[in-house]
Amino acid sequence: MPRYTSTIRKNEIVQSARELIINKGIKAVTIKNIAAKNKITEGAIYRHFKSKRAILQMLVEDFESNLMKAIDCAIRDGDDPIETLKNIMIVHLKYTEERKSELFVITAASVHFDDRELRQNILDVIERYKSRIKIILLKAQKENLLRNKIDLDSVSLTFFGLIQITAIQYALTNYTVAPITKFNTLWEIFIKGIVRLS
């Protein structure tokens, strides 16, 4: 059997945990199952990770890194802020489908395992996401495109929440209702709530 670098092996372990959560549910995420999926011993897992929590934390970090890269690709210089938000929603909905509602599933896992640290990691990801959305909303506000006295923190949470509720539906329907099919409705609800009436 070939020897892998630590980074490659860690990524394989995290990917296996992700597949187990998505395909078999939270209870299937055990060190034993992860080891079996990678055809390595449980001891080999512990050489790379101190605990199951550490694997799930890396899974959250991987999710955030890839989502933020996808969002960065949706932000184009010169686009007006409303168009930028629209592009981000499209990209995030597609990413949700591609990653099978991963953040929702990981969040459910953190609640199931009653893991405060993991829940805090997920809350931090959401806050960083909201901060990116708020920067775009601030630009829209400066350009006088938003309603008066609008709470940007609540708007950024609503933006994220609309996508997440679609992710939940996707996961709960066994990945049959593609998130992107909800885009037009979600966008209409969101935009009508924030733009200045002419």
N, C-alpha and C. Protein backbone atom coordinates (compact mmCIF):
# COMPACT_ATOMS: atom_id res chain seq x y z
N MET A 1 0.85 -1.19 0.00
CA MET A 1 0.00 0.00 0.00
C MET A 1 0.89 1.24 0.00
N PRO A 2 0.61 2.23 -0.89
CA PRO A 2 1.46 3.42 -0.95
C PRO A 2 1.31 4.28 0.30
N ARG A 3 2.42 4.94 0.67
CA ARG A 3 2.37 5.84 1.82
C ARG A 3 1.98 7.23 1.32
N TYR A 4 1.06 7.87 2.02
CA TYR A 4 0.58 9.18 1.64
C TYR A 4 1.16 10.25 2.56
N THR A 5 1.26 11.46 2.04
CA THR A 5 1.69 12.56 2.90
C THR A 5 0.58 12.84 3.90
N SER A 6 0.94 13.48 4.98
CA SER A 6 -0.02 13.80 6.04
C SER A 6 -1.19 14.62 5.50
N THR A 7 -0.88 15.60 4.64
CA THR A 7 -1.93 16.46 4.09
C THR A 7 -2.92 15.66 3.24
N ILE A 8 -2.40 14.80 2.39
CA ILE A 8 -3.27 13.98 1.54
C ILE A 8 -4.13 13.07 2.41
N ARG A 9 -3.53 12.42 3.38
CA ARG A 9 -4.28 11.51 4.25
C ARG A 9 -5.35 12.27 5.04
N LYS A 10 -5.00 13.44 5.58
CA LYS A 10 -5.99 14.24 6.32
C LYS A 10 -7.17 14.59 5.43
N ASN A 11 -6.88 15.02 4.20
CA ASN A 11 -7.96 15.37 3.27
C ASN A 11 -8.84 14.17 2.97
N GLU A 12 -8.24 12.99 2.82
CA GLU A 12 -9.02 11.78 2.56
C GLU A 12 -9.92 11.44 3.75
N ILE A 13 -9.39 11.60 4.94
CA ILE A 13 -10.17 11.31 6.15
C ILE A 13 -11.35 12.26 6.26
N VAL A 14 -11.10 13.54 6.01
CA VAL A 14 -12.18 14.54 6.07
C VAL A 14 -13.23 14.26 5.00
N GLN A 15 -12.77 13.93 3.80
CA GLN A 15 -13.70 13.61 2.71
C GLN A 15 -14.55 12.39 3.07
N SER A 16 -13.95 11.41 3.70
CA SER A 16 -14.70 10.21 4.12
C SER A 16 -15.76 10.56 5.15
N ALA A 17 -15.40 11.42 6.10
CA ALA A 17 -16.38 11.86 7.12
C ALA A 17 -17.53 12.58 6.45
N ARG A 18 -17.21 13.43 5.49
CA ARG A 18 -18.24 14.17 4.75
C ARG A 18 -19.19 13.20 4.04
N GLU A 19 -18.63 12.21 3.35
CA GLU A 19 -19.45 11.23 2.63
C GLU A 19 -20.32 10.42 3.58
N LEU A 20 -19.76 10.04 4.72
CA LEU A 20 -20.54 9.29 5.71
C LEU A 20 -21.71 10.10 6.24
N ILE A 21 -21.46 11.36 6.58
CA ILE A 21 -22.53 12.21 7.08
C ILE A 21 -23.64 12.35 6.05
N ILE A 22 -23.25 12.65 4.82
CA ILE A 22 -24.24 12.92 3.77
C ILE A 22 -24.98 11.65 3.34
N ASN A 23 -24.26 10.55 3.18
CA ASN A 23 -24.87 9.35 2.63
C ASN A 23 -25.49 8.41 3.66
N LYS A 24 -24.94 8.41 4.89
CA LYS A 24 -25.42 7.44 5.87
C LYS A 24 -25.93 8.06 7.15
N GLY A 25 -25.76 9.36 7.31
CA GLY A 25 -26.27 10.02 8.49
C GLY A 25 -25.21 10.22 9.56
N ILE A 26 -25.60 11.00 10.54
CA ILE A 26 -24.69 11.44 11.59
C ILE A 26 -24.13 10.28 12.40
N LYS A 27 -24.96 9.30 12.70
CA LYS A 27 -24.52 8.19 13.55
C LYS A 27 -23.44 7.34 12.89
N ALA A 28 -23.34 7.42 11.56
CA ALA A 28 -22.34 6.63 10.84
C ALA A 28 -20.94 7.23 10.96
N VAL A 29 -20.85 8.45 11.46
CA VAL A 29 -19.55 9.12 11.56
C VAL A 29 -18.85 8.66 12.84
N THR A 30 -18.12 7.57 12.68
CA THR A 30 -17.33 7.03 13.79
C THR A 30 -15.90 6.86 13.28
N ILE A 31 -14.97 6.85 14.20
CA ILE A 31 -13.57 6.62 13.82
C ILE A 31 -13.45 5.27 13.13
N LYS A 32 -14.16 4.28 13.62
CA LYS A 32 -14.13 2.93 13.03
C LYS A 32 -14.59 2.97 11.56
N ASN A 33 -15.72 3.65 11.30
CA ASN A 33 -16.23 3.72 9.92
C ASN A 33 -15.33 4.54 9.00
N ILE A 34 -14.77 5.62 9.54
CA ILE A 34 -13.86 6.44 8.74
C ILE A 34 -12.62 5.63 8.38
N ALA A 35 -12.10 4.88 9.36
CA ALA A 35 -10.92 4.04 9.11
C ALA A 35 -11.23 2.97 8.05
N ALA A 36 -12.39 2.33 8.19
CA ALA A 36 -12.77 1.29 7.23
C ALA A 36 -12.90 1.86 5.82
N LYS A 37 -13.49 3.05 5.72
CA LYS A 37 -13.68 3.68 4.41
C LYS A 37 -12.34 3.99 3.75
N ASN A 38 -11.33 4.29 4.56
CA ASN A 38 -10.00 4.61 4.03
C ASN A 38 -9.04 3.42 4.00
N LYS A 39 -9.54 2.27 4.47
CA LYS A 39 -8.73 1.05 4.52
C LYS A 39 -7.45 1.25 5.33
N ILE A 40 -7.64 1.91 6.48
CA ILE A 40 -6.53 2.13 7.40
C ILE A 40 -7.01 1.77 8.81
N THR A 41 -6.09 1.72 9.75
CA THR A 41 -6.47 1.39 11.12
C THR A 41 -7.01 2.63 11.83
N GLU A 42 -7.73 2.40 12.92
CA GLU A 42 -8.20 3.52 13.73
C GLU A 42 -7.02 4.30 14.29
N GLY A 43 -5.94 3.59 14.63
CA GLY A 43 -4.73 4.25 15.12
C GLY A 43 -4.16 5.22 14.10
N ALA A 44 -4.27 4.85 12.81
CA ALA A 44 -3.76 5.73 11.75
C ALA A 44 -4.56 7.03 11.70
N ILE A 45 -5.86 6.94 11.98
CA ILE A 45 -6.69 8.15 12.04
C ILE A 45 -6.17 9.06 13.14
N TYR A 46 -5.90 8.46 14.31
CA TYR A 46 -5.47 9.26 15.46
C TYR A 46 -4.06 9.85 15.28
N ARG A 47 -3.30 9.36 14.33
CA ARG A 47 -2.02 9.99 14.03
C ARG A 47 -2.23 11.35 13.35
N HIS A 48 -3.37 11.52 12.73
CA HIS A 48 -3.66 12.76 11.99
C HIS A 48 -4.63 13.68 12.74
N PHE A 49 -5.52 13.10 13.52
CA PHE A 49 -6.55 13.87 14.23
C PHE A 49 -6.66 13.38 15.67
N LYS A 50 -6.80 14.32 16.61
CA LYS A 50 -6.92 13.96 18.03
C LYS A 50 -8.26 13.30 18.33
N SER A 51 -9.29 13.68 17.54
CA SER A 51 -10.64 13.21 17.87
C SER A 51 -11.55 13.35 16.66
N LYS A 52 -12.75 12.83 16.81
CA LYS A 52 -13.78 12.99 15.77
C LYS A 52 -14.12 14.48 15.61
N ARG A 53 -14.14 15.20 16.73
CA ARG A 53 -14.41 16.64 16.68
C ARG A 53 -13.39 17.34 15.77
N ALA A 54 -12.13 16.98 15.89
CA ALA A 54 -11.09 17.60 15.07
C ALA A 54 -11.33 17.35 13.57
N ILE A 55 -11.84 16.17 13.25
CA ILE A 55 -12.17 15.86 11.85
C ILE A 55 -13.32 16.75 11.40
N LEU A 56 -14.36 16.85 12.22
CA LEU A 56 -15.51 17.67 11.87
C LEU A 56 -15.14 19.15 11.79
N GLN A 57 -14.23 19.60 12.66
CA GLN A 57 -13.78 21.00 12.59
C GLN A 57 -13.07 21.27 11.27
N MET A 58 -12.24 20.33 10.85
CA MET A 58 -11.56 20.51 9.56
C MET A 58 -12.56 20.49 8.42
N LEU A 59 -13.61 19.70 8.57
CA LEU A 59 -14.68 19.65 7.57
C LEU A 59 -15.36 21.01 7.45
N VAL A 60 -15.61 21.66 8.58
CA VAL A 60 -16.20 23.00 8.58
C VAL A 60 -15.25 24.00 7.91
N GLU A 61 -13.97 23.93 8.24
CA GLU A 61 -12.97 24.83 7.63
C GLU A 61 -12.92 24.64 6.12
N ASP A 62 -12.95 23.38 5.69
CA ASP A 62 -12.92 23.07 4.25
C ASP A 62 -14.16 23.63 3.56
N PHE A 63 -15.32 23.45 4.20
CA PHE A 63 -16.56 23.98 3.65
C PHE A 63 -16.47 25.49 3.47
N GLU A 64 -16.03 26.18 4.53
CA GLU A 64 -15.96 27.64 4.48
C GLU A 64 -14.99 28.11 3.40
N SER A 65 -13.82 27.50 3.36
CA SER A 65 -12.80 27.91 2.38
C SER A 65 -13.33 27.79 0.96
N ASN A 66 -13.96 26.66 0.65
CA ASN A 66 -14.47 26.45 -0.70
C ASN A 66 -15.66 27.35 -1.02
N LEU A 67 -16.53 27.57 -0.03
CA LEU A 67 -17.67 28.46 -0.26
C LEU A 67 -17.19 29.89 -0.52
N MET A 68 -16.25 30.37 0.28
CA MET A 68 -15.76 31.74 0.11
C MET A 68 -15.05 31.92 -1.23
N LYS A 69 -14.34 30.88 -1.68
CA LYS A 69 -13.71 30.95 -3.01
C LYS A 69 -14.77 31.06 -4.09
N ALA A 70 -15.84 30.28 -3.95
CA ALA A 70 -16.93 30.33 -4.93
C ALA A 70 -17.58 31.71 -4.93
N ILE A 71 -17.79 32.28 -3.75
CA ILE A 71 -18.40 33.61 -3.64
C ILE A 71 -17.49 34.67 -4.25
N ASP A 72 -16.19 34.56 -3.99
CA ASP A 72 -15.24 35.53 -4.56
C ASP A 72 -15.31 35.54 -6.08
N CYS A 73 -15.55 34.37 -6.67
CA CYS A 73 -15.67 34.29 -8.13
C CYS A 73 -16.94 34.99 -8.62
N ALA A 74 -17.93 35.12 -7.76
CA ALA A 74 -19.20 35.76 -8.15
C ALA A 74 -19.12 37.28 -8.05
N ILE A 75 -18.09 37.78 -7.39
CA ILE A 75 -17.96 39.23 -7.21
C ILE A 75 -17.07 39.78 -8.33
N ARG A 76 -17.69 40.62 -9.15
CA ARG A 76 -16.96 41.18 -10.31
C ARG A 76 -16.83 42.69 -10.13
N ASP A 77 -15.63 43.18 -10.37
CA ASP A 77 -15.42 44.63 -10.30
C ASP A 77 -16.37 45.33 -11.26
N GLY A 78 -16.97 46.40 -10.78
CA GLY A 78 -17.84 47.19 -11.64
C GLY A 78 -19.31 46.81 -11.56
N ASP A 79 -19.60 45.60 -11.07
CA ASP A 79 -21.01 45.21 -10.92
C ASP A 79 -21.65 46.07 -9.84
N ASP A 80 -22.91 46.43 -10.05
CA ASP A 80 -23.58 47.16 -8.97
C ASP A 80 -23.83 46.18 -7.83
N PRO A 81 -23.96 46.67 -6.60
CA PRO A 81 -24.07 45.78 -5.45
C PRO A 81 -25.27 44.84 -5.49
N ILE A 82 -26.37 45.29 -6.06
CA ILE A 82 -27.55 44.42 -6.15
C ILE A 82 -27.27 43.24 -7.08
N GLU A 83 -26.62 43.53 -8.20
CA GLU A 83 -26.24 42.46 -9.13
C GLU A 83 -25.25 41.50 -8.47
N THR A 84 -24.35 42.03 -7.67
CA THR A 84 -23.38 41.20 -6.96
C THR A 84 -24.09 40.25 -5.99
N LEU A 85 -25.06 40.77 -5.24
CA LEU A 85 -25.83 39.91 -4.33
C LEU A 85 -26.56 38.81 -5.10
N LYS A 86 -27.10 39.17 -6.24
CA LYS A 86 -27.81 38.19 -7.07
C LYS A 86 -26.85 37.08 -7.52
N ASN A 87 -25.66 37.49 -7.96
CA ASN A 87 -24.65 36.50 -8.39
C ASN A 87 -24.24 35.60 -7.24
N ILE A 88 -24.07 36.18 -6.06
CA ILE A 88 -23.68 35.38 -4.89
C ILE A 88 -24.77 34.38 -4.54
N MET A 89 -26.03 34.80 -4.59
CA MET A 89 -27.11 33.86 -4.26
C MET A 89 -27.11 32.69 -5.25
N ILE A 90 -26.94 32.97 -6.52
CA ILE A 90 -26.90 31.90 -7.53
C ILE A 90 -25.75 30.94 -7.24
N VAL A 91 -24.57 31.50 -7.02
CA VAL A 91 -23.39 30.68 -6.76
C VAL A 91 -23.58 29.84 -5.50
N HIS A 92 -24.12 30.46 -4.45
CA HIS A 92 -24.30 29.73 -3.19
C HIS A 92 -25.33 28.61 -3.34
N LEU A 93 -26.40 28.86 -4.06
CA LEU A 93 -27.40 27.81 -4.28
C LEU A 93 -26.79 26.64 -5.07
N LYS A 94 -25.99 26.95 -6.08
CA LYS A 94 -25.33 25.89 -6.85
C LYS A 94 -24.33 25.13 -5.99
N TYR A 95 -23.61 25.87 -5.15
CA TYR A 95 -22.64 25.25 -4.25
C TYR A 95 -23.34 24.33 -3.25
N THR A 96 -24.50 24.77 -2.77
CA THR A 96 -25.28 23.96 -1.84
C THR A 96 -25.66 22.63 -2.48
N GLU A 97 -26.05 22.69 -3.74
CA GLU A 97 -26.40 21.46 -4.45
C GLU A 97 -25.17 20.58 -4.65
N GLU A 98 -24.09 21.18 -5.09
CA GLU A 98 -22.86 20.45 -5.35
C GLU A 98 -22.34 19.76 -4.08
N ARG A 99 -22.44 20.46 -2.95
CA ARG A 99 -21.91 19.92 -1.69
C ARG A 99 -22.99 19.26 -0.83
N LYS A 100 -24.16 19.02 -1.41
CA LYS A 100 -25.25 18.30 -0.75
C LYS A 100 -25.62 18.87 0.62
N SER A 101 -25.87 20.18 0.63
CA SER A 101 -26.33 20.85 1.86
C SER A 101 -25.40 20.60 3.04
N GLU A 102 -24.12 20.59 2.76
CA GLU A 102 -23.12 20.18 3.75
C GLU A 102 -23.19 20.96 5.07
N LEU A 103 -23.35 22.27 5.00
CA LEU A 103 -23.34 23.04 6.26
C LEU A 103 -24.53 22.65 7.14
N PHE A 104 -25.69 22.45 6.53
CA PHE A 104 -26.86 22.01 7.31
C PHE A 104 -26.58 20.67 7.97
N VAL A 105 -26.00 19.75 7.22
CA VAL A 105 -25.74 18.41 7.74
C VAL A 105 -24.70 18.46 8.86
N ILE A 106 -23.66 19.28 8.69
CA ILE A 106 -22.64 19.40 9.74
C ILE A 106 -23.25 20.06 10.98
N THR A 107 -24.11 21.05 10.77
CA THR A 107 -24.77 21.71 11.91
C THR A 107 -25.61 20.70 12.68
N ALA A 108 -26.34 19.88 11.95
CA ALA A 108 -27.15 18.84 12.60
C ALA A 108 -26.26 17.89 13.39
N ALA A 109 -25.09 17.57 12.82
CA ALA A 109 -24.15 16.69 13.52
C ALA A 109 -23.66 17.33 14.81
N SER A 110 -23.37 18.62 14.77
CA SER A 110 -22.85 19.30 15.96
C SER A 110 -23.91 19.34 17.06
N VAL A 111 -25.17 19.48 16.67
CA VAL A 111 -26.26 19.47 17.66
C VAL A 111 -26.41 18.05 18.21
N HIS A 112 -26.37 17.06 17.33
CA HIS A 112 -26.51 15.66 17.74
C HIS A 112 -25.41 15.27 18.72
N PHE A 113 -24.18 15.67 18.42
CA PHE A 113 -23.06 15.31 19.30
C PHE A 113 -22.97 16.25 20.51
N ASP A 114 -23.87 17.24 20.58
CA ASP A 114 -23.88 18.22 21.66
C ASP A 114 -22.48 18.83 21.83
N ASP A 115 -21.94 19.29 20.71
CA ASP A 115 -20.58 19.80 20.69
C ASP A 115 -20.59 21.32 20.59
N ARG A 116 -20.39 22.00 21.73
CA ARG A 116 -20.43 23.46 21.77
C ARG A 116 -19.34 24.09 20.91
N GLU A 117 -18.17 23.50 20.95
CA GLU A 117 -17.05 24.06 20.19
C GLU A 117 -17.32 24.01 18.69
N LEU A 118 -17.84 22.89 18.24
CA LEU A 118 -18.17 22.74 16.82
C LEU A 118 -19.29 23.69 16.43
N ARG A 119 -20.30 23.83 17.29
CA ARG A 119 -21.38 24.79 17.02
C ARG A 119 -20.83 26.20 16.91
N GLN A 120 -19.88 26.55 17.79
CA GLN A 120 -19.28 27.88 17.73
C GLN A 120 -18.51 28.08 16.43
N ASN A 121 -17.82 27.04 15.98
CA ASN A 121 -17.11 27.13 14.70
C ASN A 121 -18.08 27.43 13.56
N ILE A 122 -19.23 26.77 13.58
CA ILE A 122 -20.23 26.99 12.54
C ILE A 122 -20.80 28.40 12.64
N LEU A 123 -21.08 28.86 13.86
CA LEU A 123 -21.56 30.23 14.05
C LEU A 123 -20.54 31.25 13.53
N ASP A 124 -19.27 30.97 13.74
CA ASP A 124 -18.21 31.87 13.24
C ASP A 124 -18.20 31.92 11.72
N VAL A 125 -18.41 30.78 11.08
CA VAL A 125 -18.49 30.74 9.61
C VAL A 125 -19.66 31.61 9.14
N ILE A 126 -20.80 31.47 9.80
CA ILE A 126 -21.98 32.25 9.43
C ILE A 126 -21.71 33.74 9.61
N GLU A 127 -21.05 34.11 10.70
CA GLU A 127 -20.74 35.53 10.94
C GLU A 127 -19.80 36.09 9.87
N ARG A 128 -18.80 35.30 9.49
CA ARG A 128 -17.87 35.77 8.44
C ARG A 128 -18.60 35.90 7.10
N TYR A 129 -19.51 34.98 6.83
CA TYR A 129 -20.32 35.05 5.61
C TYR A 129 -21.16 36.34 5.63
N LYS A 130 -21.85 36.55 6.75
CA LYS A 130 -22.69 37.74 6.88
C LYS A 130 -21.87 39.02 6.72
N SER A 131 -20.66 39.02 7.23
CA SER A 131 -19.79 40.20 7.10
C SER A 131 -19.52 40.52 5.64
N ARG A 132 -19.30 39.48 4.84
CA ARG A 132 -19.07 39.71 3.40
C ARG A 132 -20.31 40.30 2.73
N ILE A 133 -21.46 39.78 3.11
CA ILE A 133 -22.72 40.28 2.53
C ILE A 133 -22.95 41.72 2.99
N LYS A 134 -22.64 42.01 4.25
CA LYS A 134 -22.85 43.37 4.78
C LYS A 134 -21.98 44.40 4.06
N ILE A 135 -20.79 44.03 3.65
CA ILE A 135 -19.92 44.95 2.90
C ILE A 135 -20.61 45.35 1.59
N ILE A 136 -21.22 44.39 0.93
CA ILE A 136 -21.93 44.67 -0.32
C ILE A 136 -23.18 45.50 -0.05
N LEU A 137 -23.88 45.17 1.02
CA LEU A 137 -25.06 45.94 1.40
C LEU A 137 -24.71 47.39 1.75
N LEU A 138 -23.59 47.58 2.41
CA LEU A 138 -23.14 48.95 2.74
C LEU A 138 -22.91 49.76 1.47
N LYS A 139 -22.32 49.11 0.47
CA LYS A 139 -22.11 49.78 -0.82
C LYS A 139 -23.47 50.17 -1.43
N ALA A 140 -24.42 49.24 -1.37
CA ALA A 140 -25.76 49.53 -1.90
C ALA A 140 -26.41 50.67 -1.13
N GLN A 141 -26.19 50.69 0.18
CA GLN A 141 -26.75 51.75 1.01
C GLN A 141 -26.15 53.11 0.64
N LYS A 142 -24.83 53.14 0.43
CA LYS A 142 -24.16 54.38 0.05
C LYS A 142 -24.64 54.89 -1.31
N GLU A 143 -25.03 53.95 -2.18
CA GLU A 143 -25.53 54.32 -3.50
C GLU A 143 -27.04 54.60 -3.47
N ASN A 144 -27.60 54.62 -2.25
CA ASN A 144 -29.01 54.96 -2.05
C ASN A 144 -29.97 53.97 -2.75
N LEU A 145 -29.58 52.69 -2.74
CA LEU A 145 -30.39 51.66 -3.40
C LEU A 145 -31.31 50.92 -2.42
N LEU A 146 -31.05 51.07 -1.12
CA LEU A 146 -31.81 50.31 -0.12
C LEU A 146 -32.85 51.19 0.57
N ARG A 147 -33.83 50.53 1.16
CA ARG A 147 -34.84 51.23 1.95
C ARG A 147 -34.15 51.99 3.09
N ASN A 148 -34.81 53.04 3.55
CA ASN A 148 -34.30 53.80 4.68
C ASN A 148 -34.32 52.97 5.95
N LYS A 149 -33.37 53.23 6.83
CA LYS A 149 -33.31 52.63 8.17
C LYS A 149 -33.39 51.10 8.14
N ILE A 150 -32.71 50.51 7.21
CA ILE A 150 -32.71 49.05 7.11
C ILE A 150 -31.55 48.50 7.96
N ASP A 151 -31.81 47.43 8.68
CA ASP A 151 -30.80 46.81 9.54
C ASP A 151 -29.98 45.83 8.71
N LEU A 152 -28.74 46.21 8.41
CA LEU A 152 -27.90 45.40 7.52
C LEU A 152 -27.54 44.05 8.11
N ASP A 153 -27.43 43.97 9.42
CA ASP A 153 -27.14 42.68 10.06
C ASP A 153 -28.30 41.71 9.83
N SER A 154 -29.52 42.21 10.01
CA SER A 154 -30.70 41.36 9.79
C SER A 154 -30.85 40.99 8.32
N VAL A 155 -30.54 41.92 7.44
CA VAL A 155 -30.65 41.65 6.00
C VAL A 155 -29.64 40.58 5.59
N SER A 156 -28.41 40.69 6.11
CA SER A 156 -27.38 39.70 5.75
C SER A 156 -27.76 38.32 6.30
N LEU A 157 -28.36 38.28 7.48
CA LEU A 157 -28.81 37.00 8.05
C LEU A 157 -29.97 36.44 7.23
N THR A 158 -30.87 37.30 6.77
CA THR A 158 -31.99 36.86 5.93
C THR A 158 -31.47 36.27 4.62
N PHE A 159 -30.48 36.93 4.03
CA PHE A 159 -29.88 36.44 2.78
C PHE A 159 -29.36 35.02 2.99
N PHE A 160 -28.57 34.85 4.05
CA PHE A 160 -28.01 33.53 4.36
C PHE A 160 -29.13 32.53 4.68
N GLY A 161 -30.10 32.98 5.46
CA GLY A 161 -31.19 32.10 5.89
C GLY A 161 -32.04 31.58 4.75
N LEU A 162 -32.30 32.42 3.76
CA LEU A 162 -33.08 31.96 2.60
C LEU A 162 -32.38 30.81 1.89
N ILE A 163 -31.08 30.91 1.79
CA ILE A 163 -30.31 29.85 1.13
C ILE A 163 -30.29 28.60 2.01
N GLN A 164 -30.12 28.80 3.31
CA GLN A 164 -30.05 27.65 4.21
C GLN A 164 -31.37 26.88 4.30
N ILE A 165 -32.49 27.58 4.26
CA ILE A 165 -33.77 26.86 4.32
C ILE A 165 -33.95 26.01 3.06
N THR A 166 -33.40 26.49 1.96
CA THR A 166 -33.43 25.71 0.72
C THR A 166 -32.51 24.49 0.85
N ALA A 167 -31.36 24.68 1.52
CA ALA A 167 -30.44 23.57 1.77
C ALA A 167 -31.10 22.50 2.65
N ILE A 168 -31.85 22.95 3.65
CA ILE A 168 -32.55 22.01 4.53
C ILE A 168 -33.57 21.20 3.74
N GLN A 169 -34.34 21.89 2.90
CA GLN A 169 -35.32 21.19 2.07
C GLN A 169 -34.64 20.17 1.16
N TYR A 170 -33.52 20.58 0.59
CA TYR A 170 -32.76 19.69 -0.30
C TYR A 170 -32.32 18.43 0.44
N ALA A 171 -31.77 18.60 1.65
CA ALA A 171 -31.32 17.45 2.43
C ALA A 171 -32.50 16.57 2.84
N LEU A 172 -33.59 17.20 3.28
CA LEU A 172 -34.73 16.43 3.79
C LEU A 172 -35.54 15.74 2.70
N THR A 173 -35.37 16.17 1.45
CA THR A 173 -36.05 15.49 0.34
C THR A 173 -35.10 14.51 -0.36
N ASN A 174 -34.06 14.10 0.39
CA ASN A 174 -33.09 13.16 -0.14
C ASN A 174 -32.45 13.66 -1.44
N TYR A 175 -32.15 14.97 -1.45
CA TYR A 175 -31.45 15.63 -2.55
C TYR A 175 -32.20 15.55 -3.88
N THR A 176 -33.52 15.74 -3.81
CA THR A 176 -34.31 15.70 -5.04
C THR A 176 -34.78 17.09 -5.49
N VAL A 177 -34.89 18.04 -4.56
CA VAL A 177 -35.34 19.39 -4.92
C VAL A 177 -34.11 20.28 -5.02
N ALA A 178 -33.60 20.45 -6.24
CA ALA A 178 -32.36 21.19 -6.45
C ALA A 178 -32.51 22.64 -5.97
N PRO A 179 -31.59 23.12 -5.13
CA PRO A 179 -31.69 24.48 -4.60
C PRO A 179 -31.82 25.57 -5.66
N ILE A 180 -31.13 25.44 -6.77
CA ILE A 180 -31.15 26.49 -7.79
C ILE A 180 -32.55 26.68 -8.38
N THR A 181 -33.40 25.64 -8.29
CA THR A 181 -34.76 25.78 -8.82
C THR A 181 -35.59 26.77 -8.00
N LYS A 182 -35.11 27.11 -6.81
CA LYS A 182 -35.82 28.05 -5.93
C LYS A 182 -35.30 29.48 -6.08
N PHE A 183 -34.30 29.67 -6.94
CA PHE A 183 -33.65 30.98 -7.01
C PHE A 183 -34.60 32.13 -7.29
N ASN A 184 -35.41 32.04 -8.33
CA ASN A 184 -36.28 33.18 -8.70
C ASN A 184 -37.19 33.61 -7.55
N THR A 185 -37.78 32.64 -6.86
CA THR A 185 -38.66 32.97 -5.74
C THR A 185 -37.88 33.60 -4.60
N LEU A 186 -36.74 32.99 -4.26
CA LEU A 186 -35.92 33.52 -3.16
C LEU A 186 -35.45 34.93 -3.46
N TRP A 187 -34.98 35.14 -4.68
CA TRP A 187 -34.46 36.46 -5.05
C TRP A 187 -35.56 37.52 -4.99
N GLU A 188 -36.73 37.16 -5.49
CA GLU A 188 -37.85 38.11 -5.48
C GLU A 188 -38.24 38.49 -4.04
N ILE A 189 -38.30 37.50 -3.17
CA ILE A 189 -38.62 37.77 -1.76
C ILE A 189 -37.56 38.68 -1.15
N PHE A 190 -36.32 38.36 -1.38
CA PHE A 190 -35.21 39.12 -0.79
C PHE A 190 -35.18 40.54 -1.31
N ILE A 191 -35.20 40.70 -2.61
CA ILE A 191 -35.00 42.02 -3.20
C ILE A 191 -36.16 42.96 -2.90
N LYS A 192 -37.38 42.42 -2.89
CA LYS A 192 -38.55 43.26 -2.57
C LYS A 192 -38.49 43.79 -1.14
N GLY A 193 -37.84 43.05 -0.27
CA GLY A 193 -37.75 43.47 1.12
C GLY A 193 -36.69 44.52 1.39
N ILE A 194 -35.74 44.71 0.46
CA ILE A 194 -34.63 45.62 0.78
C ILE A 194 -34.50 46.85 -0.12
N VAL A 195 -34.98 46.75 -1.38
CA VAL A 195 -34.71 47.88 -2.29
C VAL A 195 -35.64 49.06 -2.05
N ARG A 196 -35.09 50.20 -2.32
CA ARG A 196 -35.85 51.45 -2.20
C ARG A 196 -36.96 51.46 -3.24
N LEU A 197 -38.15 51.82 -2.83
CA LEU A 197 -39.27 51.92 -3.76
C LEU A 197 -39.13 53.20 -4.55
N SER A 198 -39.37 53.12 -5.87
CA SER A 198 -39.21 54.34 -6.67
C SER A 198 -40.45 55.20 -6.67
